[in-house]
N, C-alpha and C. Protein backbone atom coordinates (compact mmCIF):
# COMPACT_ATOMS: atom_id res chain seq x y z
N MET A 1 13.93 -8.48 13.81
CA MET A 1 12.73 -7.97 13.78
C MET A 1 12.91 -6.13 13.77
N THR A 2 12.39 -5.67 12.31
CA THR A 2 12.86 -4.22 12.62
C THR A 2 11.25 -3.33 13.09
N SER A 3 11.59 -2.57 13.40
CA SER A 3 11.02 -1.79 13.78
C SER A 3 9.83 -1.06 13.30
N PRO A 4 8.59 -1.13 14.07
CA PRO A 4 6.99 -0.83 12.61
C PRO A 4 7.18 0.41 11.98
N ILE A 5 7.85 1.83 12.73
CA ILE A 5 8.22 2.67 12.34
C ILE A 5 9.26 2.51 10.61
N GLN A 6 10.00 1.74 11.13
CA GLN A 6 10.87 1.45 10.07
C GLN A 6 9.83 0.69 8.53
N THR A 7 9.46 -0.06 9.13
CA THR A 7 8.17 -1.13 8.27
C THR A 7 7.40 -0.21 7.34
N CYS A 8 7.08 0.80 8.19
CA CYS A 8 5.98 1.46 8.01
C CYS A 8 6.59 2.75 6.24
N ILE A 9 7.60 2.90 6.89
CA ILE A 9 8.46 3.83 5.82
C ILE A 9 8.65 3.03 4.28
N SER A 10 9.35 1.45 5.17
CA SER A 10 9.83 1.10 3.37
C SER A 10 8.43 0.77 2.51
N GLU A 11 7.24 0.69 3.31
CA GLU A 11 6.11 0.50 3.06
C GLU A 11 5.57 1.53 2.01
N ASP A 12 5.94 2.89 2.70
CA ASP A 12 5.56 3.67 2.01
C ASP A 12 6.48 4.36 0.65
N VAL A 13 7.83 3.95 0.67
CA VAL A 13 8.48 4.00 -0.35
C VAL A 13 8.22 3.50 -1.63
N LYS A 14 7.68 2.12 -1.01
CA LYS A 14 6.66 1.11 -2.25
C LYS A 14 5.64 1.73 -2.81
N ALA A 15 4.87 2.52 -2.32
CA ALA A 15 4.06 3.11 -2.34
C ALA A 15 4.13 4.40 -3.35
N ALA A 16 4.83 5.16 -3.09
CA ALA A 16 5.55 5.76 -3.42
C ALA A 16 6.26 6.07 -5.36
N MET A 17 6.23 5.10 -5.30
CA MET A 17 7.08 4.34 -6.21
C MET A 17 6.28 4.48 -7.42
N ARG A 18 5.20 3.47 -7.05
CA ARG A 18 4.21 3.18 -7.40
C ARG A 18 3.22 4.24 -8.22
N ALA A 19 2.96 5.14 -6.99
CA ALA A 19 2.58 6.38 -7.51
C ALA A 19 3.15 7.76 -8.02
N ARG A 20 4.51 7.28 -8.71
CA ARG A 20 5.48 8.00 -9.24
C ARG A 20 5.52 9.43 -8.79
N GLU A 21 5.69 9.84 -6.98
CA GLU A 21 5.75 11.12 -6.65
C GLU A 21 7.45 10.65 -5.96
N LYS A 22 8.14 11.26 -6.95
CA LYS A 22 9.66 11.59 -7.04
C LYS A 22 10.38 12.89 -6.12
N GLN A 23 9.50 13.62 -5.51
CA GLN A 23 9.91 14.14 -4.36
C GLN A 23 9.91 13.22 -3.04
N ARG A 24 8.52 12.83 -2.76
CA ARG A 24 8.50 11.76 -1.97
C ARG A 24 9.14 10.38 -1.91
N LEU A 25 9.07 10.19 -2.74
CA LEU A 25 10.02 9.30 -2.66
C LEU A 25 11.89 9.48 -2.42
N ALA A 26 11.98 10.13 -2.94
CA ALA A 26 13.62 10.86 -2.89
C ALA A 26 13.63 10.94 -1.20
N ALA A 27 12.85 11.94 -0.83
CA ALA A 27 12.64 12.29 1.17
C ALA A 27 12.51 10.74 1.85
N LEU A 28 12.24 9.64 1.29
CA LEU A 28 11.90 8.23 2.16
C LEU A 28 13.03 7.82 1.93
N ARG A 29 13.89 7.65 0.92
CA ARG A 29 14.96 6.82 0.64
C ARG A 29 16.02 7.53 1.62
N LEU A 30 16.23 8.86 1.03
CA LEU A 30 17.23 9.38 2.58
C LEU A 30 16.61 9.04 3.76
N ILE A 31 15.17 9.10 4.13
CA ILE A 31 15.74 8.49 5.57
C ILE A 31 15.75 6.75 6.17
N SER A 32 15.38 6.33 5.10
CA SER A 32 15.74 4.80 4.86
C SER A 32 17.43 4.91 4.74
N SER A 33 17.84 5.59 4.05
CA SER A 33 19.32 5.17 3.76
C SER A 33 19.93 5.87 5.42
N GLU A 34 19.44 6.70 6.16
CA GLU A 34 19.75 7.07 7.05
C GLU A 34 20.11 5.84 8.59
N PHE A 35 18.33 4.93 8.15
CA PHE A 35 18.81 3.99 8.95
C PHE A 35 19.89 2.99 8.93
N LYS A 36 19.74 2.90 7.62
CA LYS A 36 20.54 1.73 7.14
C LYS A 36 21.51 1.89 7.80
N LYS A 37 22.51 3.41 8.15
CA LYS A 37 23.71 3.64 7.72
C LYS A 37 23.95 3.72 9.41
N VAL A 38 23.00 3.89 10.04
CA VAL A 38 23.27 3.14 11.84
C VAL A 38 23.20 1.89 12.07
N GLU A 39 22.30 1.11 11.23
CA GLU A 39 22.28 -0.21 11.57
C GLU A 39 24.12 -0.62 10.97
N VAL A 40 24.35 -0.49 9.73
CA VAL A 40 25.53 -1.05 9.74
C VAL A 40 26.60 0.22 10.35
N ASP A 41 26.95 0.82 10.49
CA ASP A 41 28.00 1.36 11.54
C ASP A 41 27.96 0.71 12.70
N GLU A 42 26.85 0.79 13.41
CA GLU A 42 26.90 -0.31 14.95
C GLU A 42 26.10 -1.01 15.16
N ARG A 43 26.23 -2.01 14.15
CA ARG A 43 25.88 -3.48 13.93
C ARG A 43 24.75 -3.81 14.70
N ILE A 44 23.55 -3.21 14.55
CA ILE A 44 22.58 -3.24 15.45
C ILE A 44 21.29 -3.11 14.88
N GLU A 45 20.51 -3.76 14.93
CA GLU A 45 18.99 -3.33 14.07
C GLU A 45 18.33 -2.50 15.29
N LEU A 46 17.76 -1.45 14.83
CA LEU A 46 16.91 -0.43 15.36
C LEU A 46 15.61 -0.64 15.74
N ASP A 47 15.44 -0.30 17.22
CA ASP A 47 14.16 -0.18 17.90
C ASP A 47 13.55 0.97 17.39
N ASP A 48 11.95 1.19 18.24
CA ASP A 48 11.51 2.11 17.84
C ASP A 48 12.08 3.68 18.97
N VAL A 49 12.96 3.51 19.97
CA VAL A 49 13.02 4.31 20.11
C VAL A 49 14.31 5.05 19.24
N ARG A 50 15.33 4.33 18.94
CA ARG A 50 16.27 4.28 18.05
C ARG A 50 15.94 5.29 17.30
N VAL A 51 14.95 4.72 16.11
CA VAL A 51 14.23 5.30 15.03
C VAL A 51 13.33 6.43 15.39
N LEU A 52 12.92 6.98 16.55
CA LEU A 52 12.89 8.02 16.90
C LEU A 52 13.76 9.15 17.06
N ALA A 53 14.53 9.05 17.76
CA ALA A 53 15.53 9.92 17.90
C ALA A 53 16.62 10.04 16.64
N ILE A 54 16.92 8.98 15.70
CA ILE A 54 17.39 9.30 14.51
C ILE A 54 15.93 10.30 13.93
N LEU A 55 15.13 10.34 14.00
CA LEU A 55 13.91 11.39 12.92
C LEU A 55 14.01 12.76 14.00
N ASP A 56 14.44 12.87 15.31
CA ASP A 56 14.49 14.08 15.73
C ASP A 56 15.41 14.58 15.15
N LYS A 57 16.55 14.11 14.91
CA LYS A 57 17.71 14.32 14.57
C LYS A 57 17.52 15.11 13.17
N MET A 58 17.21 13.93 12.35
CA MET A 58 16.90 14.71 10.85
C MET A 58 16.18 15.80 10.90
N THR A 59 14.76 15.72 11.13
CA THR A 59 13.89 16.61 11.68
C THR A 59 14.90 18.17 12.04
N LYS A 60 15.74 18.12 13.39
CA LYS A 60 16.50 19.10 13.77
C LYS A 60 17.21 19.67 12.54
N GLN A 61 18.23 18.59 12.12
CA GLN A 61 18.68 19.39 10.69
C GLN A 61 18.36 20.07 9.89
N ARG A 62 16.96 19.69 9.23
CA ARG A 62 16.12 20.34 8.28
C ARG A 62 15.93 21.65 8.59
N ARG A 63 15.62 22.16 10.17
CA ARG A 63 15.17 23.62 10.80
C ARG A 63 16.66 24.04 10.81
N ASP A 64 17.26 23.61 10.86
CA ASP A 64 18.47 24.72 11.15
C ASP A 64 18.83 24.81 9.68
N SER A 65 19.07 23.73 8.51
CA SER A 65 19.45 24.29 7.17
C SER A 65 18.02 25.24 6.41
N LEU A 66 16.89 25.08 7.20
CA LEU A 66 15.52 26.42 6.80
C LEU A 66 15.84 27.55 6.95
N ALA A 67 16.44 27.42 8.18
CA ALA A 67 16.72 29.03 8.78
C ALA A 67 17.69 29.09 7.82
N GLN A 68 19.23 29.26 7.68
CA GLN A 68 20.48 29.14 6.89
C GLN A 68 19.27 29.73 5.31
N TYR A 69 18.59 28.89 4.48
CA TYR A 69 18.58 28.96 3.59
C TYR A 69 17.38 30.67 3.09
N GLU A 70 16.62 30.27 4.35
CA GLU A 70 15.36 31.46 4.74
C GLU A 70 16.37 32.99 4.61
N SER A 71 17.14 33.05 5.34
CA SER A 71 18.45 33.55 5.35
C SER A 71 18.92 34.20 4.12
N ALA A 72 18.98 33.32 3.57
CA ALA A 72 20.00 33.31 2.02
C ALA A 72 18.99 33.95 0.78
N GLY A 73 17.57 33.78 1.51
CA GLY A 73 16.94 34.08 0.18
C GLY A 73 16.63 32.86 -0.88
N ARG A 74 16.71 31.39 -0.36
CA ARG A 74 16.89 30.72 -1.54
C ARG A 74 15.96 29.73 -1.33
N ALA A 75 14.57 30.34 -1.67
CA ALA A 75 12.63 29.92 -1.68
C ALA A 75 12.76 28.36 -2.10
N ASP A 76 13.31 27.75 -2.99
CA ASP A 76 13.53 26.87 -3.65
C ASP A 76 13.90 25.66 -2.89
N LEU A 77 15.21 25.79 -2.06
CA LEU A 77 15.49 24.92 -0.82
C LEU A 77 14.83 25.14 0.38
N VAL A 78 14.08 26.27 0.73
CA VAL A 78 13.00 26.38 1.95
C VAL A 78 11.87 25.54 1.60
N ALA A 79 11.28 25.62 0.38
CA ALA A 79 10.45 24.48 0.47
C ALA A 79 10.64 23.18 0.25
N GLN A 80 11.91 22.73 -0.09
CA GLN A 80 12.46 21.02 -0.25
C GLN A 80 12.70 20.75 1.50
N GLU A 81 13.06 21.78 1.92
CA GLU A 81 13.80 21.63 3.52
C GLU A 81 12.13 21.29 4.13
N GLN A 82 11.47 22.38 4.24
CA GLN A 82 9.70 22.34 4.69
C GLN A 82 9.10 21.01 4.47
N PHE A 83 9.08 20.42 2.88
CA PHE A 83 8.37 19.41 2.33
C PHE A 83 9.25 18.20 3.47
N GLU A 84 10.76 17.79 3.66
CA GLU A 84 11.34 17.10 4.38
C GLU A 84 10.73 17.05 5.95
N ILE A 85 10.10 17.92 6.47
CA ILE A 85 10.61 18.58 7.91
C ILE A 85 8.75 17.30 7.65
N ASP A 86 7.63 18.12 6.63
CA ASP A 86 6.62 17.84 7.05
C ASP A 86 6.37 16.09 6.58
N LEU A 87 7.42 15.49 6.50
CA LEU A 87 6.90 14.23 6.08
C LEU A 87 7.61 13.36 7.09
N ILE A 88 8.74 14.03 7.53
CA ILE A 88 9.80 13.17 8.80
C ILE A 88 8.49 13.20 9.84
N ALA A 89 7.36 15.03 10.19
CA ALA A 89 6.77 14.90 11.40
C ALA A 89 5.70 13.58 11.48
N GLU A 90 5.36 13.19 9.50
CA GLU A 90 4.15 12.22 10.04
C GLU A 90 4.54 10.76 10.51
N TYR A 91 5.66 10.44 10.45
CA TYR A 91 6.14 9.20 11.37
C TYR A 91 6.16 9.27 13.22
N LEU A 92 6.40 10.68 13.30
CA LEU A 92 6.68 10.90 14.96
C LEU A 92 5.49 11.03 15.47
N PRO A 93 5.41 10.86 16.99
CA PRO A 93 3.96 10.70 17.88
C PRO A 93 4.00 11.94 17.91
N ALA A 94 2.47 12.03 18.20
CA ALA A 94 2.35 13.31 18.60
C ALA A 94 2.70 14.60 19.32
N GLN A 95 2.98 15.57 19.30
CA GLN A 95 3.82 16.38 19.65
C GLN A 95 3.35 17.01 21.26
N LEU A 96 3.33 17.01 22.43
CA LEU A 96 3.18 17.12 23.30
C LEU A 96 3.17 19.01 23.28
N GLY A 97 2.26 19.35 23.47
CA GLY A 97 1.82 20.91 24.45
C GLY A 97 2.91 21.32 25.49
N GLN A 98 2.87 22.69 25.04
CA GLN A 98 3.19 23.04 26.02
C GLN A 98 3.44 22.87 27.99
N ALA A 99 2.18 22.85 28.00
CA ALA A 99 1.42 22.60 29.09
C ALA A 99 1.55 21.07 29.64
N GLU A 100 1.65 20.08 28.21
CA GLU A 100 1.76 19.13 29.19
C GLU A 100 3.04 18.27 29.08
N LEU A 101 3.90 19.29 28.52
CA LEU A 101 5.29 18.91 28.53
C LEU A 101 5.96 19.77 30.38
N ALA A 102 5.63 20.83 29.98
CA ALA A 102 5.65 21.72 31.51
C ALA A 102 5.29 20.52 32.74
N GLU A 103 4.07 20.16 32.95
CA GLU A 103 3.55 18.96 33.64
C GLU A 103 4.29 18.00 33.93
N LEU A 104 5.04 17.41 32.95
CA LEU A 104 5.84 15.96 33.05
C LEU A 104 7.15 16.52 34.05
N VAL A 105 7.62 17.45 33.17
CA VAL A 105 9.21 18.02 33.93
C VAL A 105 9.25 18.15 35.25
N ALA A 106 8.04 19.47 35.84
CA ALA A 106 7.87 19.47 36.84
C ALA A 106 7.66 17.75 37.57
N ALA A 107 6.45 16.71 37.45
CA ALA A 107 6.69 15.57 38.09
C ALA A 107 7.61 14.70 37.99
N THR A 108 8.79 15.26 37.12
CA THR A 108 9.71 14.35 36.99
C THR A 108 10.74 14.52 38.04
N ILE A 109 11.05 16.10 37.96
CA ILE A 109 11.29 16.44 39.04
C ILE A 109 11.50 16.42 40.92
N LYS A 110 9.63 16.45 40.54
CA LYS A 110 9.64 15.94 42.06
C LYS A 110 9.67 14.44 42.25
N GLU A 111 9.23 13.80 41.01
CA GLU A 111 9.40 12.11 41.77
C GLU A 111 10.89 11.78 41.73
N LEU A 112 11.95 12.25 40.85
CA LEU A 112 13.36 11.88 40.89
C LEU A 112 13.99 12.70 42.73
N GLY A 113 13.02 13.30 42.95
CA GLY A 113 13.56 14.79 43.94
C GLY A 113 14.75 15.25 44.17
N ALA A 114 14.73 16.54 42.62
CA ALA A 114 15.95 17.25 41.92
C ALA A 114 16.24 18.30 42.76
N GLU A 115 17.09 18.94 42.85
CA GLU A 115 17.19 20.23 43.58
C GLU A 115 17.61 21.05 43.32
N SER A 116 18.64 20.88 42.61
CA SER A 116 19.57 21.71 42.01
C SER A 116 20.23 21.42 40.35
N MET A 117 20.83 22.29 39.87
CA MET A 117 21.18 22.50 38.21
C MET A 117 22.12 21.01 38.44
N ALA A 118 22.86 20.67 39.47
CA ALA A 118 23.66 19.54 40.01
C ALA A 118 23.07 18.29 39.53
N ASP A 119 21.34 17.83 39.38
CA ASP A 119 20.65 16.99 39.26
C ASP A 119 20.11 16.80 37.65
N MET A 120 20.56 17.86 37.17
CA MET A 120 19.61 18.05 36.03
C MET A 120 20.33 16.66 34.89
N GLY A 121 21.27 16.25 34.69
CA GLY A 121 21.69 15.13 33.91
C GLY A 121 20.88 14.19 34.53
N LYS A 122 20.12 14.27 35.25
CA LYS A 122 19.87 12.74 35.94
C LYS A 122 18.12 13.05 35.27
N VAL A 123 17.63 14.18 35.39
CA VAL A 123 16.86 14.51 34.99
C VAL A 123 16.07 14.42 33.71
N MET A 124 17.56 14.84 32.83
CA MET A 124 17.27 15.10 31.26
C MET A 124 17.38 13.50 30.78
N GLY A 125 17.94 12.40 31.51
CA GLY A 125 18.27 11.23 31.62
C GLY A 125 17.07 10.24 31.76
N ASN A 126 16.14 11.01 32.64
CA ASN A 126 14.90 10.04 32.82
C ASN A 126 13.69 10.71 31.65
N LEU A 127 13.79 12.14 31.29
CA LEU A 127 12.80 12.47 30.50
C LEU A 127 12.88 12.07 29.36
N LYS A 128 14.18 11.94 28.59
CA LYS A 128 14.47 11.53 27.02
C LYS A 128 13.13 10.69 26.92
N PRO A 129 13.94 9.24 27.32
CA PRO A 129 13.34 7.66 26.37
C PRO A 129 11.50 8.70 26.86
N ARG A 130 11.19 8.88 27.30
CA ARG A 130 9.76 9.46 27.71
C ARG A 130 9.18 10.99 26.79
N VAL A 131 9.93 11.45 26.06
CA VAL A 131 9.03 12.53 25.65
C VAL A 131 10.05 12.24 23.60
N GLN A 132 10.87 11.56 23.74
CA GLN A 132 11.57 11.60 22.60
C GLN A 132 10.53 11.37 21.20
N GLY A 133 10.54 12.27 20.46
CA GLY A 133 10.18 12.46 19.09
C GLY A 133 8.79 13.29 19.68
N ARG A 134 8.22 13.62 20.96
CA ARG A 134 7.21 14.32 20.99
C ARG A 134 7.43 15.82 21.10
N ALA A 135 9.03 16.02 21.71
CA ALA A 135 9.13 17.46 21.99
C ALA A 135 10.41 17.63 21.58
N ASP A 136 11.14 19.03 21.38
CA ASP A 136 12.35 19.44 21.22
C ASP A 136 13.21 19.27 22.57
N MET A 137 14.00 18.43 22.29
CA MET A 137 14.81 18.55 23.24
C MET A 137 15.76 19.72 23.94
N SER A 138 16.24 20.80 23.32
CA SER A 138 16.28 21.68 23.71
C SER A 138 15.47 22.65 24.56
N GLU A 139 14.07 22.50 24.65
CA GLU A 139 12.54 23.18 24.86
C GLU A 139 12.71 22.29 26.57
N VAL A 140 12.99 21.25 26.09
CA VAL A 140 12.89 20.10 27.72
C VAL A 140 14.06 20.67 28.43
N GLY A 141 15.40 20.88 27.91
CA GLY A 141 16.03 21.26 29.23
C GLY A 141 15.79 22.41 29.45
N ALA A 142 15.35 23.51 29.08
CA ALA A 142 15.07 24.88 29.38
C ALA A 142 13.93 24.78 30.45
N LEU A 143 12.93 23.92 30.41
CA LEU A 143 12.46 23.74 31.18
C LEU A 143 12.56 23.17 32.46
N VAL A 144 13.68 22.22 32.48
CA VAL A 144 14.50 21.21 33.53
C VAL A 144 15.25 22.87 33.87
N LYS A 145 16.25 23.39 33.49
CA LYS A 145 16.91 24.55 34.25
C LYS A 145 15.89 25.42 34.95
N ALA A 146 14.63 25.60 34.37
CA ALA A 146 13.66 26.77 34.77
C ALA A 146 13.30 25.89 36.41
N GLY A 147 12.62 24.66 36.34
CA GLY A 147 12.36 23.93 37.39
C GLY A 147 13.60 23.80 38.84
N LEU A 148 15.08 23.75 38.38
CA LEU A 148 15.80 23.51 39.09
C LEU A 148 16.56 24.84 40.04
N SER A 149 16.13 25.46 38.70
CA SER A 149 16.60 26.94 39.57
C SER A 149 15.71 27.48 40.43
């Protein structure tokens, strides 16, 4: 059984084909091919948690590329990367606000009884599945560090 997000993307590929939206279709196919690659390489069927992790990774890659293209003055490539970031965001859950995220990190630290930086891995391991796709993990890491120091 495939992930509901994966099914939704497959349906959107068909809709983009019918509507002849070339740019959207190309980006959706890119996402689908990334899912297929992971499924074939690891011989697994993706669940929503893994799909969100892949979408997160793709978003991060595009943000990195976007920054490089902006510094190089490549407006055409900046527009394409931004389009793909916006498209991927359609399939991610609503982002957590800064206050919500800080509250969640503080609650997790307290819940696990974490006291020092040695506990950071335990805290991050607990938080990751709860915030996957809803927050930038580097931001989460910074909040955990601040909470533990």
